[in-house]
N, C-alpha and C. Protein backbone atom coordinates (compact mmCIF):
# COMPACT_ATOMS: atom_id res chain seq x y z
N UNK A 1 -50.95 3.37 -45.59
CA UNK A 1 -49.69 2.83 -46.10
C UNK A 1 -48.93 2.16 -44.98
N UNK A 2 -48.05 1.22 -45.33
CA UNK A 2 -47.28 0.49 -44.33
C UNK A 2 -46.07 1.31 -43.89
N UNK A 3 -45.70 1.20 -42.60
CA UNK A 3 -44.52 1.94 -42.14
C UNK A 3 -43.25 1.40 -42.79
N UNK A 4 -42.27 2.32 -43.02
CA UNK A 4 -41.01 1.94 -43.64
C UNK A 4 -40.15 1.14 -42.68
N UNK A 5 -38.95 0.70 -43.15
CA UNK A 5 -38.04 -0.13 -42.35
C UNK A 5 -37.61 0.57 -41.07
N UNK A 6 -37.47 1.92 -41.11
CA UNK A 6 -37.00 2.63 -39.92
C UNK A 6 -38.09 2.79 -38.88
N UNK A 7 -39.30 2.46 -39.27
CA UNK A 7 -40.43 2.62 -38.35
C UNK A 7 -41.03 1.25 -38.03
N UNK A 8 -40.19 0.25 -37.85
CA UNK A 8 -40.67 -1.09 -37.56
C UNK A 8 -41.51 -1.07 -36.30
N UNK A 9 -42.65 -1.73 -36.36
CA UNK A 9 -43.60 -1.69 -35.27
C UNK A 9 -43.22 -2.72 -34.20
N UNK A 10 -43.25 -2.31 -32.92
CA UNK A 10 -42.96 -3.19 -31.80
C UNK A 10 -44.21 -3.38 -30.96
N UNK A 11 -44.33 -4.56 -30.37
CA UNK A 11 -45.40 -4.75 -29.40
C UNK A 11 -45.04 -3.98 -28.13
N UNK A 12 -46.05 -3.64 -27.37
CA UNK A 12 -45.84 -2.86 -26.15
C UNK A 12 -44.89 -3.58 -25.18
N UNK A 13 -45.03 -4.89 -24.93
CA UNK A 13 -44.11 -5.55 -24.00
C UNK A 13 -42.66 -5.48 -24.46
N UNK A 14 -42.43 -5.62 -25.78
CA UNK A 14 -41.06 -5.55 -26.28
C UNK A 14 -40.48 -4.16 -26.09
N UNK A 15 -41.26 -3.13 -26.40
CA UNK A 15 -40.79 -1.75 -26.23
C UNK A 15 -40.52 -1.45 -24.76
N UNK A 16 -41.44 -1.90 -23.90
CA UNK A 16 -41.25 -1.67 -22.47
C UNK A 16 -40.02 -2.42 -21.96
N UNK A 17 -39.81 -3.63 -22.49
CA UNK A 17 -38.63 -4.40 -22.09
C UNK A 17 -37.35 -3.71 -22.50
N UNK A 18 -37.32 -3.16 -23.73
CA UNK A 18 -36.13 -2.43 -24.19
C UNK A 18 -35.87 -1.21 -23.32
N UNK A 19 -36.92 -0.49 -22.99
CA UNK A 19 -36.79 0.70 -22.17
C UNK A 19 -36.26 0.34 -20.77
N UNK A 20 -36.83 -0.74 -20.22
CA UNK A 20 -36.38 -1.19 -18.89
C UNK A 20 -34.92 -1.65 -18.94
N UNK A 21 -34.57 -2.40 -19.99
CA UNK A 21 -33.20 -2.88 -20.11
C UNK A 21 -32.22 -1.72 -20.24
N UNK A 22 -32.62 -0.70 -20.97
CA UNK A 22 -31.77 0.48 -21.10
C UNK A 22 -31.56 1.16 -19.77
N UNK A 23 -32.63 1.29 -18.99
CA UNK A 23 -32.51 1.91 -17.67
C UNK A 23 -31.62 1.07 -16.75
N UNK A 24 -31.79 -0.26 -16.84
CA UNK A 24 -30.95 -1.15 -16.03
C UNK A 24 -29.48 -0.98 -16.39
N UNK A 25 -29.18 -0.80 -17.67
CA UNK A 25 -27.79 -0.61 -18.11
C UNK A 25 -27.20 0.66 -17.49
N UNK A 26 -28.01 1.73 -17.45
CA UNK A 26 -27.52 2.97 -16.85
C UNK A 26 -27.30 2.81 -15.34
N UNK A 27 -28.25 2.13 -14.68
CA UNK A 27 -28.11 1.90 -13.24
C UNK A 27 -26.89 1.02 -12.96
N UNK A 28 -26.69 -0.02 -13.79
CA UNK A 28 -25.54 -0.92 -13.62
C UNK A 28 -24.23 -0.15 -13.80
N UNK A 29 -24.22 0.81 -14.72
CA UNK A 29 -23.03 1.63 -14.92
C UNK A 29 -22.72 2.44 -13.67
N UNK A 30 -23.75 3.09 -13.13
CA UNK A 30 -23.56 3.91 -11.93
C UNK A 30 -23.09 3.05 -10.75
N UNK A 31 -23.72 1.88 -10.60
CA UNK A 31 -23.35 1.00 -9.48
C UNK A 31 -21.93 0.46 -9.66
N UNK A 32 -21.60 0.09 -10.91
CA UNK A 32 -20.26 -0.42 -11.17
C UNK A 32 -19.20 0.62 -10.88
N UNK A 33 -19.47 1.87 -11.26
CA UNK A 33 -18.50 2.93 -10.99
C UNK A 33 -18.40 3.21 -9.49
N UNK A 34 -19.54 3.11 -8.80
CA UNK A 34 -19.52 3.29 -7.33
C UNK A 34 -18.68 2.21 -6.66
N UNK A 35 -18.89 0.95 -7.08
CA UNK A 35 -18.11 -0.15 -6.53
C UNK A 35 -16.63 0.02 -6.86
N UNK A 36 -16.36 0.43 -8.08
CA UNK A 36 -14.97 0.60 -8.50
C UNK A 36 -14.29 1.70 -7.70
N UNK A 37 -15.01 2.80 -7.47
CA UNK A 37 -14.45 3.89 -6.68
C UNK A 37 -14.13 3.43 -5.27
N UNK A 38 -15.04 2.64 -4.69
CA UNK A 38 -14.80 2.11 -3.35
C UNK A 38 -13.58 1.21 -3.30
N UNK A 39 -13.41 0.36 -4.32
CA UNK A 39 -12.26 -0.54 -4.37
C UNK A 39 -10.96 0.23 -4.59
N UNK A 40 -11.02 1.23 -5.46
CA UNK A 40 -9.83 2.05 -5.70
C UNK A 40 -9.42 2.82 -4.44
N UNK A 41 -10.41 3.29 -3.69
CA UNK A 41 -10.12 4.00 -2.44
C UNK A 41 -9.48 3.05 -1.44
N UNK A 42 -10.00 1.83 -1.35
CA UNK A 42 -9.44 0.84 -0.44
C UNK A 42 -8.00 0.50 -0.83
N UNK A 43 -7.77 0.30 -2.12
CA UNK A 43 -6.43 -0.03 -2.59
C UNK A 43 -5.45 1.12 -2.32
N UNK A 44 -5.92 2.35 -2.48
CA UNK A 44 -5.05 3.50 -2.24
C UNK A 44 -4.70 3.61 -0.76
N UNK A 45 -5.65 3.26 0.11
CA UNK A 45 -5.37 3.28 1.54
C UNK A 45 -4.32 2.23 1.90
N UNK A 46 -4.43 1.05 1.29
CA UNK A 46 -3.44 0.00 1.53
C UNK A 46 -2.07 0.43 1.02
N UNK A 47 -2.05 1.05 -0.15
CA UNK A 47 -0.80 1.53 -0.73
C UNK A 47 -0.17 2.60 0.17
N UNK A 48 -0.98 3.53 0.66
CA UNK A 48 -0.46 4.58 1.53
C UNK A 48 0.12 3.99 2.82
N UNK A 49 -0.55 2.95 3.32
CA UNK A 49 -0.06 2.30 4.54
C UNK A 49 1.27 1.60 4.28
N UNK A 50 1.39 0.96 3.13
CA UNK A 50 2.65 0.29 2.78
C UNK A 50 3.78 1.30 2.62
N UNK A 51 3.48 2.45 2.02
CA UNK A 51 4.49 3.49 1.88
C UNK A 51 4.91 4.03 3.25
N UNK A 52 3.93 4.19 4.15
CA UNK A 52 4.24 4.65 5.50
C UNK A 52 5.10 3.62 6.23
N UNK A 53 4.82 2.35 6.02
CA UNK A 53 5.61 1.30 6.64
C UNK A 53 7.04 1.31 6.11
N UNK A 54 7.18 1.52 4.81
CA UNK A 54 8.52 1.65 4.24
C UNK A 54 9.28 2.80 4.88
N UNK A 55 8.59 3.91 5.11
CA UNK A 55 9.25 5.06 5.71
C UNK A 55 9.69 4.76 7.14
N UNK A 56 8.87 4.02 7.88
CA UNK A 56 9.23 3.63 9.24
C UNK A 56 10.47 2.74 9.24
N UNK A 57 10.56 1.86 8.25
CA UNK A 57 11.75 1.00 8.14
C UNK A 57 12.98 1.85 7.86
N UNK A 58 12.84 2.83 6.95
CA UNK A 58 13.96 3.72 6.64
C UNK A 58 14.36 4.54 7.86
N UNK A 59 13.35 5.01 8.61
CA UNK A 59 13.65 5.79 9.82
C UNK A 59 14.39 4.96 10.86
N UNK A 60 13.97 3.70 11.01
CA UNK A 60 14.64 2.82 11.96
C UNK A 60 16.09 2.59 11.54
N UNK A 61 16.29 2.36 10.27
CA UNK A 61 17.65 2.16 9.77
C UNK A 61 18.50 3.41 10.00
N UNK A 62 17.91 4.59 9.79
CA UNK A 62 18.64 5.84 10.00
C UNK A 62 19.03 6.00 11.47
N UNK A 63 18.14 5.63 12.38
CA UNK A 63 18.45 5.72 13.81
C UNK A 63 19.60 4.79 14.18
N UNK A 64 19.59 3.61 13.62
CA UNK A 64 20.67 2.66 13.90
C UNK A 64 22.00 3.16 13.34
N UNK A 65 21.95 3.82 12.19
CA UNK A 65 23.16 4.42 11.63
C UNK A 65 23.66 5.54 12.54
N UNK A 66 22.74 6.38 13.03
CA UNK A 66 23.12 7.44 13.96
C UNK A 66 23.76 6.85 15.22
N UNK A 67 23.20 5.74 15.67
CA UNK A 67 23.74 5.07 16.86
C UNK A 67 25.19 4.65 16.60
N UNK A 68 25.42 4.12 15.41
CA UNK A 68 26.75 3.62 15.06
C UNK A 68 27.74 4.75 14.82
N UNK A 69 27.34 5.75 14.01
CA UNK A 69 28.28 6.84 13.69
C UNK A 69 28.57 7.71 14.90
N UNK A 70 27.56 7.92 15.75
CA UNK A 70 27.80 8.70 16.96
C UNK A 70 28.79 8.02 17.87
N UNK A 71 28.64 6.72 18.01
CA UNK A 71 29.58 5.95 18.84
C UNK A 71 30.99 6.00 18.25
N UNK A 72 31.09 5.80 16.94
CA UNK A 72 32.40 5.79 16.30
C UNK A 72 33.10 7.15 16.43
N UNK A 73 32.32 8.23 16.21
CA UNK A 73 32.89 9.56 16.33
C UNK A 73 33.43 9.84 17.72
N UNK A 74 32.67 9.41 18.73
CA UNK A 74 33.11 9.63 20.11
C UNK A 74 34.33 8.78 20.44
N UNK A 75 34.35 7.53 19.96
CA UNK A 75 35.50 6.67 20.22
C UNK A 75 36.78 7.26 19.64
N UNK A 76 36.67 7.82 18.43
CA UNK A 76 37.87 8.34 17.75
C UNK A 76 38.34 9.64 18.39
N UNK A 77 37.41 10.53 18.70
CA UNK A 77 37.79 11.88 19.15
C UNK A 77 37.74 12.07 20.67
N UNK A 78 36.87 11.33 21.34
CA UNK A 78 36.66 11.57 22.76
C UNK A 78 35.84 12.81 23.03
N UNK A 79 35.30 13.44 21.96
CA UNK A 79 34.50 14.67 22.09
C UNK A 79 33.04 14.29 22.30
N UNK A 80 32.47 14.73 23.43
CA UNK A 80 31.09 14.37 23.78
C UNK A 80 30.07 14.91 22.77
N UNK A 81 30.46 15.92 21.98
CA UNK A 81 29.53 16.46 20.97
C UNK A 81 29.13 15.40 19.95
N UNK A 82 30.03 14.43 19.72
CA UNK A 82 29.73 13.37 18.76
C UNK A 82 28.66 12.40 19.29
N UNK A 83 28.34 12.50 20.56
CA UNK A 83 27.35 11.60 21.15
C UNK A 83 25.91 12.08 20.92
N UNK A 84 25.74 13.27 20.36
CA UNK A 84 24.38 13.79 20.16
C UNK A 84 23.52 12.87 19.28
N UNK A 85 24.00 12.43 18.11
CA UNK A 85 23.17 11.49 17.31
C UNK A 85 22.98 10.16 18.03
N UNK A 86 23.99 9.73 18.74
CA UNK A 86 23.91 8.49 19.53
C UNK A 86 22.80 8.59 20.58
N UNK A 87 22.78 9.71 21.33
CA UNK A 87 21.77 9.89 22.37
C UNK A 87 20.37 10.05 21.77
N UNK A 88 20.27 10.76 20.64
CA UNK A 88 18.97 10.91 19.98
C UNK A 88 18.45 9.56 19.50
N UNK A 89 19.35 8.75 18.95
CA UNK A 89 18.95 7.42 18.47
C UNK A 89 18.46 6.54 19.61
N UNK A 90 19.18 6.58 20.73
CA UNK A 90 18.76 5.80 21.89
C UNK A 90 17.38 6.24 22.39
N UNK A 91 17.14 7.55 22.33
CA UNK A 91 15.86 8.10 22.80
C UNK A 91 14.69 7.70 21.90
N UNK A 92 14.90 7.70 20.59
CA UNK A 92 13.80 7.51 19.65
C UNK A 92 13.65 6.08 19.14
N UNK A 93 14.65 5.24 19.37
CA UNK A 93 14.68 3.92 18.76
C UNK A 93 13.49 3.05 19.16
N UNK A 94 13.20 2.99 20.45
CA UNK A 94 12.13 2.11 20.92
C UNK A 94 10.77 2.49 20.36
N UNK A 95 10.49 3.81 20.34
CA UNK A 95 9.19 4.27 19.84
C UNK A 95 9.04 3.97 18.36
N UNK A 96 10.10 4.20 17.59
CA UNK A 96 10.04 3.93 16.15
C UNK A 96 9.86 2.44 15.88
N UNK A 97 10.59 1.63 16.61
CA UNK A 97 10.52 0.18 16.42
C UNK A 97 9.13 -0.34 16.77
N UNK A 98 8.55 0.17 17.86
CA UNK A 98 7.20 -0.25 18.25
C UNK A 98 6.18 0.18 17.20
N UNK A 99 6.35 1.37 16.63
CA UNK A 99 5.43 1.86 15.60
C UNK A 99 5.51 0.99 14.35
N UNK A 100 6.71 0.56 14.00
CA UNK A 100 6.87 -0.33 12.85
C UNK A 100 6.15 -1.66 13.07
N UNK A 101 6.30 -2.23 14.25
CA UNK A 101 5.61 -3.48 14.56
C UNK A 101 4.10 -3.31 14.47
N UNK A 102 3.60 -2.20 15.00
CA UNK A 102 2.16 -1.93 14.96
C UNK A 102 1.66 -1.77 13.52
N UNK A 103 2.45 -1.07 12.70
CA UNK A 103 2.06 -0.86 11.30
C UNK A 103 1.94 -2.19 10.55
N UNK A 104 2.90 -3.08 10.76
CA UNK A 104 2.85 -4.37 10.08
C UNK A 104 1.72 -5.24 10.63
N UNK A 105 1.45 -5.15 11.92
CA UNK A 105 0.34 -5.91 12.50
C UNK A 105 -1.00 -5.43 11.92
N UNK A 106 -1.13 -4.13 11.70
CA UNK A 106 -2.36 -3.58 11.13
C UNK A 106 -2.59 -4.07 9.72
N UNK A 107 -1.53 -4.31 8.99
CA UNK A 107 -1.66 -4.79 7.61
C UNK A 107 -1.82 -6.31 7.54
N UNK A 108 -1.84 -6.97 8.72
CA UNK A 108 -1.98 -8.43 8.76
C UNK A 108 -0.70 -9.17 8.46
N UNK A 109 0.42 -8.46 8.51
CA UNK A 109 1.72 -9.06 8.18
C UNK A 109 2.66 -8.87 9.36
N UNK A 110 2.47 -9.65 10.41
CA UNK A 110 3.18 -9.42 11.67
C UNK A 110 4.68 -9.68 11.58
N UNK A 111 5.10 -10.55 10.67
CA UNK A 111 6.53 -10.85 10.49
C UNK A 111 7.17 -11.24 11.83
N UNK A 112 6.54 -12.16 12.54
CA UNK A 112 7.01 -12.52 13.88
C UNK A 112 8.42 -13.09 13.88
N UNK A 113 8.74 -13.90 12.89
CA UNK A 113 10.09 -14.48 12.82
C UNK A 113 11.14 -13.40 12.61
N UNK A 114 10.86 -12.47 11.70
CA UNK A 114 11.81 -11.38 11.43
C UNK A 114 12.00 -10.51 12.67
N UNK A 115 10.91 -10.21 13.35
CA UNK A 115 11.02 -9.35 14.52
C UNK A 115 11.69 -10.06 15.69
N UNK A 116 11.54 -11.36 15.76
CA UNK A 116 12.25 -12.11 16.81
C UNK A 116 13.76 -11.96 16.62
N UNK A 117 14.20 -12.01 15.36
CA UNK A 117 15.63 -11.82 15.08
C UNK A 117 16.04 -10.37 15.32
N UNK A 118 15.21 -9.44 14.86
CA UNK A 118 15.54 -8.02 15.04
C UNK A 118 15.58 -7.64 16.52
N UNK A 119 14.67 -8.19 17.30
CA UNK A 119 14.67 -7.92 18.75
C UNK A 119 16.05 -8.26 19.33
N UNK A 120 16.53 -9.41 18.96
CA UNK A 120 17.82 -9.88 19.49
C UNK A 120 18.99 -9.05 18.95
N UNK A 121 18.98 -8.82 17.64
CA UNK A 121 20.08 -8.08 17.03
C UNK A 121 20.17 -6.65 17.56
N UNK A 122 19.02 -5.97 17.64
CA UNK A 122 19.03 -4.58 18.08
C UNK A 122 19.44 -4.49 19.55
N UNK A 123 18.93 -5.39 20.37
CA UNK A 123 19.31 -5.39 21.79
C UNK A 123 20.81 -5.61 21.94
N UNK A 124 21.36 -6.53 21.17
CA UNK A 124 22.81 -6.79 21.24
C UNK A 124 23.60 -5.59 20.75
N UNK A 125 23.12 -4.94 19.69
CA UNK A 125 23.86 -3.78 19.16
C UNK A 125 23.82 -2.62 20.14
N UNK A 126 22.68 -2.40 20.77
CA UNK A 126 22.60 -1.34 21.77
C UNK A 126 23.55 -1.63 22.92
N UNK A 127 23.58 -2.88 23.34
CA UNK A 127 24.48 -3.24 24.44
C UNK A 127 25.93 -3.02 24.04
N UNK A 128 26.25 -3.35 22.79
CA UNK A 128 27.63 -3.16 22.31
C UNK A 128 28.05 -1.69 22.36
N UNK A 129 27.22 -0.82 21.77
CA UNK A 129 27.62 0.59 21.69
C UNK A 129 27.65 1.23 23.08
N UNK A 130 26.74 0.84 23.95
CA UNK A 130 26.76 1.39 25.31
C UNK A 130 28.04 0.99 26.03
N UNK A 131 28.49 -0.25 25.83
CA UNK A 131 29.74 -0.69 26.45
C UNK A 131 30.94 0.03 25.84
N UNK A 132 30.88 0.27 24.53
CA UNK A 132 31.98 0.99 23.88
C UNK A 132 32.08 2.43 24.40
N UNK A 133 30.94 3.10 24.51
CA UNK A 133 30.94 4.47 25.02
C UNK A 133 31.45 4.50 26.46
N UNK A 134 30.97 3.58 27.25
CA UNK A 134 31.41 3.52 28.65
C UNK A 134 32.91 3.26 28.73
N UNK A 135 33.40 2.37 27.85
CA UNK A 135 34.82 2.06 27.85
C UNK A 135 35.65 3.29 27.45
N UNK A 136 35.13 4.08 26.49
CA UNK A 136 35.86 5.29 26.05
C UNK A 136 35.94 6.31 27.18
N UNK A 137 34.86 6.46 27.93
CA UNK A 137 34.87 7.37 29.08
C UNK A 137 35.87 6.88 30.14
N UNK A 138 35.87 5.58 30.34
CA UNK A 138 36.66 5.01 31.44
C UNK A 138 38.13 4.83 31.07
N UNK A 139 38.39 4.28 29.87
CA UNK A 139 39.76 3.88 29.51
C UNK A 139 40.45 4.85 28.56
N UNK A 140 39.72 5.82 28.06
CA UNK A 140 40.33 6.78 27.14
C UNK A 140 40.63 6.15 25.79
N UNK A 141 41.72 6.58 25.16
CA UNK A 141 42.04 6.13 23.80
C UNK A 141 42.34 4.64 23.71
N UNK A 142 42.66 4.02 24.83
CA UNK A 142 42.94 2.58 24.79
C UNK A 142 41.71 1.78 24.37
N UNK A 143 40.53 2.39 24.49
CA UNK A 143 39.29 1.71 24.05
C UNK A 143 39.30 1.48 22.55
N UNK A 144 40.09 2.28 21.82
CA UNK A 144 40.15 2.14 20.36
C UNK A 144 40.84 0.84 19.94
N UNK A 145 41.56 0.23 20.84
CA UNK A 145 42.31 -0.98 20.48
C UNK A 145 41.45 -2.24 20.44
N UNK A 146 40.20 -2.10 20.86
CA UNK A 146 39.31 -3.27 20.89
C UNK A 146 38.77 -3.53 19.49
N UNK A 147 39.56 -4.20 18.66
CA UNK A 147 39.16 -4.49 17.28
C UNK A 147 37.98 -5.46 17.22
N UNK A 148 37.92 -6.35 18.17
CA UNK A 148 36.84 -7.33 18.16
C UNK A 148 35.47 -6.66 18.25
N UNK A 149 35.41 -5.55 18.98
CA UNK A 149 34.14 -4.83 19.09
C UNK A 149 33.68 -4.29 17.74
N UNK A 150 34.63 -3.82 16.93
CA UNK A 150 34.29 -3.32 15.60
C UNK A 150 33.75 -4.44 14.71
N UNK A 151 34.44 -5.58 14.77
CA UNK A 151 34.03 -6.71 13.93
C UNK A 151 32.63 -7.20 14.34
N UNK A 152 32.42 -7.35 15.64
CA UNK A 152 31.12 -7.82 16.13
C UNK A 152 30.02 -6.82 15.78
N UNK A 153 30.34 -5.53 15.89
CA UNK A 153 29.36 -4.50 15.56
C UNK A 153 28.98 -4.52 14.09
N UNK A 154 29.99 -4.68 13.23
CA UNK A 154 29.70 -4.74 11.79
C UNK A 154 28.84 -5.96 11.44
N UNK A 155 29.13 -7.09 12.05
CA UNK A 155 28.36 -8.30 11.78
C UNK A 155 26.89 -8.11 12.18
N UNK A 156 26.68 -7.50 13.34
CA UNK A 156 25.31 -7.27 13.79
C UNK A 156 24.58 -6.29 12.88
N UNK A 157 25.24 -5.22 12.48
CA UNK A 157 24.61 -4.24 11.60
C UNK A 157 24.29 -4.84 10.24
N UNK A 158 25.14 -5.73 9.75
CA UNK A 158 24.85 -6.41 8.50
C UNK A 158 23.59 -7.27 8.63
N UNK A 159 23.46 -7.95 9.75
CA UNK A 159 22.27 -8.77 10.00
C UNK A 159 21.02 -7.89 10.08
N UNK A 160 21.13 -6.78 10.78
CA UNK A 160 19.99 -5.87 10.93
C UNK A 160 19.59 -5.28 9.58
N UNK A 161 20.57 -4.82 8.81
CA UNK A 161 20.27 -4.25 7.50
C UNK A 161 19.62 -5.28 6.58
N UNK A 162 20.07 -6.53 6.68
CA UNK A 162 19.48 -7.58 5.86
C UNK A 162 18.00 -7.79 6.19
N UNK A 163 17.67 -7.82 7.48
CA UNK A 163 16.28 -8.00 7.89
C UNK A 163 15.42 -6.80 7.47
N UNK A 164 15.94 -5.60 7.69
CA UNK A 164 15.18 -4.41 7.32
C UNK A 164 15.01 -4.30 5.80
N UNK A 165 16.06 -4.68 5.07
CA UNK A 165 15.96 -4.67 3.61
C UNK A 165 14.90 -5.64 3.11
N UNK A 166 14.81 -6.80 3.75
CA UNK A 166 13.79 -7.77 3.34
C UNK A 166 12.39 -7.25 3.64
N UNK A 167 12.21 -6.64 4.81
CA UNK A 167 10.90 -6.08 5.16
C UNK A 167 10.50 -4.97 4.20
N UNK A 168 11.47 -4.14 3.83
CA UNK A 168 11.18 -3.06 2.89
C UNK A 168 10.85 -3.59 1.52
N UNK A 169 11.55 -4.66 1.11
CA UNK A 169 11.28 -5.27 -0.19
C UNK A 169 9.87 -5.86 -0.24
N UNK A 170 9.42 -6.46 0.86
CA UNK A 170 8.06 -7.01 0.92
C UNK A 170 7.01 -5.91 0.76
N UNK A 171 7.27 -4.76 1.38
CA UNK A 171 6.35 -3.64 1.23
C UNK A 171 6.32 -3.14 -0.21
N UNK A 172 7.49 -3.13 -0.86
CA UNK A 172 7.55 -2.69 -2.25
C UNK A 172 6.78 -3.65 -3.15
N UNK A 173 6.89 -4.95 -2.87
CA UNK A 173 6.11 -5.93 -3.63
C UNK A 173 4.62 -5.68 -3.47
N UNK A 174 4.21 -5.34 -2.25
CA UNK A 174 2.80 -5.04 -2.01
C UNK A 174 2.37 -3.80 -2.78
N UNK A 175 3.21 -2.78 -2.79
CA UNK A 175 2.90 -1.54 -3.52
C UNK A 175 2.79 -1.82 -5.01
N UNK A 176 3.74 -2.59 -5.54
CA UNK A 176 3.71 -2.93 -6.98
C UNK A 176 2.45 -3.72 -7.32
N UNK A 177 2.08 -4.66 -6.46
CA UNK A 177 0.86 -5.44 -6.69
C UNK A 177 -0.38 -4.58 -6.69
N UNK A 178 -0.44 -3.62 -5.78
CA UNK A 178 -1.58 -2.71 -5.71
C UNK A 178 -1.67 -1.85 -6.96
N UNK A 179 -0.53 -1.34 -7.39
CA UNK A 179 -0.53 -0.48 -8.58
C UNK A 179 -0.98 -1.26 -9.82
N UNK A 180 -0.58 -2.53 -9.90
CA UNK A 180 -1.05 -3.37 -11.02
C UNK A 180 -2.55 -3.59 -10.93
N UNK A 181 -3.05 -3.89 -9.73
CA UNK A 181 -4.49 -4.12 -9.54
C UNK A 181 -5.29 -2.86 -9.84
N UNK A 182 -4.76 -1.70 -9.43
CA UNK A 182 -5.45 -0.43 -9.70
C UNK A 182 -5.52 -0.17 -11.21
N UNK A 183 -4.44 -0.47 -11.92
CA UNK A 183 -4.43 -0.26 -13.37
C UNK A 183 -5.48 -1.14 -14.05
N UNK A 184 -5.57 -2.40 -13.61
CA UNK A 184 -6.57 -3.33 -14.18
C UNK A 184 -7.97 -2.85 -13.85
N UNK A 185 -8.18 -2.46 -12.58
CA UNK A 185 -9.50 -1.99 -12.14
C UNK A 185 -9.93 -0.75 -12.92
N UNK A 186 -8.99 0.16 -13.14
CA UNK A 186 -9.30 1.38 -13.88
C UNK A 186 -9.67 1.06 -15.32
N UNK A 187 -8.93 0.12 -15.93
CA UNK A 187 -9.22 -0.26 -17.32
C UNK A 187 -10.60 -0.90 -17.43
N UNK A 188 -10.92 -1.79 -16.49
CA UNK A 188 -12.23 -2.45 -16.52
C UNK A 188 -13.36 -1.45 -16.30
N UNK A 189 -13.15 -0.51 -15.38
CA UNK A 189 -14.18 0.50 -15.11
C UNK A 189 -14.39 1.40 -16.32
N UNK A 190 -13.30 1.77 -16.98
CA UNK A 190 -13.42 2.61 -18.18
C UNK A 190 -14.19 1.88 -19.27
N UNK A 191 -13.91 0.59 -19.46
CA UNK A 191 -14.62 -0.20 -20.46
C UNK A 191 -16.10 -0.31 -20.11
N UNK A 192 -16.37 -0.54 -18.83
CA UNK A 192 -17.77 -0.64 -18.37
C UNK A 192 -18.50 0.67 -18.63
N UNK A 193 -17.85 1.79 -18.35
CA UNK A 193 -18.47 3.10 -18.53
C UNK A 193 -18.71 3.43 -19.99
N UNK A 194 -17.96 2.78 -20.88
CA UNK A 194 -18.14 3.03 -22.31
C UNK A 194 -19.21 2.13 -22.92
N UNK A 195 -19.22 0.85 -22.52
CA UNK A 195 -20.09 -0.13 -23.18
C UNK A 195 -21.52 -0.06 -22.68
N UNK A 196 -21.71 -0.09 -21.35
CA UNK A 196 -23.07 -0.16 -20.81
C UNK A 196 -23.92 1.07 -21.16
N UNK A 197 -23.43 2.29 -21.01
CA UNK A 197 -24.26 3.43 -21.41
C UNK A 197 -24.60 3.43 -22.89
N UNK A 198 -23.66 2.98 -23.72
CA UNK A 198 -23.93 2.91 -25.16
C UNK A 198 -25.04 1.90 -25.45
N UNK A 199 -24.92 0.71 -24.81
CA UNK A 199 -25.96 -0.30 -25.02
C UNK A 199 -27.30 0.18 -24.48
N UNK A 200 -27.28 0.82 -23.31
CA UNK A 200 -28.52 1.33 -22.73
C UNK A 200 -29.14 2.40 -23.61
N UNK A 201 -28.29 3.29 -24.15
CA UNK A 201 -28.80 4.35 -25.02
C UNK A 201 -29.45 3.79 -26.28
N UNK A 202 -28.83 2.75 -26.84
CA UNK A 202 -29.39 2.13 -28.04
C UNK A 202 -30.75 1.52 -27.76
N UNK A 203 -30.87 0.82 -26.62
CA UNK A 203 -32.14 0.18 -26.28
C UNK A 203 -33.23 1.20 -25.98
N UNK A 204 -32.88 2.25 -25.25
CA UNK A 204 -33.87 3.30 -24.97
C UNK A 204 -34.29 4.01 -26.25
N UNK A 205 -33.32 4.30 -27.13
CA UNK A 205 -33.65 4.97 -28.39
C UNK A 205 -34.55 4.10 -29.26
N UNK A 206 -34.27 2.79 -29.29
CA UNK A 206 -35.10 1.87 -30.08
C UNK A 206 -36.53 1.84 -29.55
N UNK A 207 -36.65 1.82 -28.23
CA UNK A 207 -37.98 1.77 -27.62
C UNK A 207 -38.75 3.06 -27.86
N UNK A 208 -38.07 4.20 -27.84
CA UNK A 208 -38.74 5.49 -27.97
C UNK A 208 -39.03 5.83 -29.43
N UNK A 209 -38.18 5.35 -30.36
CA UNK A 209 -38.30 5.77 -31.75
C UNK A 209 -39.33 4.95 -32.53
N UNK A 210 -39.51 3.67 -32.20
CA UNK A 210 -40.40 2.82 -32.98
C UNK A 210 -41.84 2.95 -32.49
N UNK A 211 -42.83 2.96 -33.42
CA UNK A 211 -44.23 2.97 -33.00
C UNK A 211 -44.58 1.66 -32.31
N UNK A 212 -45.47 1.72 -31.35
CA UNK A 212 -45.82 0.56 -30.52
C UNK A 212 -47.19 0.05 -30.92
N UNK A 213 -47.28 -1.26 -31.18
CA UNK A 213 -48.56 -1.90 -31.50
C UNK A 213 -49.08 -2.59 -30.25
N UNK A 214 -50.31 -2.36 -29.93
CA UNK A 214 -50.89 -2.97 -28.75
C UNK A 214 -50.92 -4.49 -28.91
N UNK A 215 -50.63 -5.20 -27.83
CA UNK A 215 -50.64 -6.66 -27.88
C UNK A 215 -51.94 -7.25 -27.38
N UNK A 216 -52.95 -6.38 -27.16
CA UNK A 216 -54.27 -6.90 -26.73
C UNK A 216 -54.85 -7.76 -27.83
N UNK A 217 -55.37 -8.89 -27.42
CA UNK A 217 -55.85 -9.87 -28.39
C UNK A 217 -56.85 -9.27 -29.36
N UNK A 218 -57.71 -8.40 -28.87
CA UNK A 218 -58.75 -7.82 -29.74
C UNK A 218 -58.17 -6.99 -30.85
N UNK A 219 -56.96 -6.50 -30.65
CA UNK A 219 -56.34 -5.62 -31.65
C UNK A 219 -56.00 -6.37 -32.91
N UNK A 220 -55.72 -7.68 -32.76
CA UNK A 220 -55.32 -8.47 -33.92
C UNK A 220 -56.49 -9.20 -34.56
N UNK A 221 -57.67 -9.01 -34.00
CA UNK A 221 -58.86 -9.70 -34.53
C UNK A 221 -59.26 -9.13 -35.87
């Protein structure tokens, strides 16, 4: 009797081709997931670096604030205890600033123009506060009458905050871009993991379930 519709006969090359194609689909799935994992790991490393760079920017801003508030507290009170944040900021500022430059250079985003401005602004601000502290030690409360120093200091800090805010915003844009890319990559990988194994399973099942007819010429004689 003839085989029914569910037992359609395949030639050996067709069955072997289906089996091979099914195996290739499984291998492609594994390779695709491996590649995707590698890309996701790379993206996460870039994201972590951007977050670390953001933190360095925040730390630098905090040190500059300590420099400013410590100076102001000492000018108003004349109490040397208020100089503790000022002295700590002076001690740590250079190392933090150098680390920030290194972090951005590692990411390929040297921001040379921004740092050229920051170099000048920070140097000027340090010089300002050091002169103010020295004046308070030397002249006493009369140092408080120098209103121009306050105005110049505020202008410089506004410039510095603007530059740091822009650098931080650029890092946030990078983080947002990475998160979008990761979401797309994850969606594509999930789709790949669903479609290819299913297609491979269908082809392997078809090859294994159907009886195979030899394609040797003598068989059809």
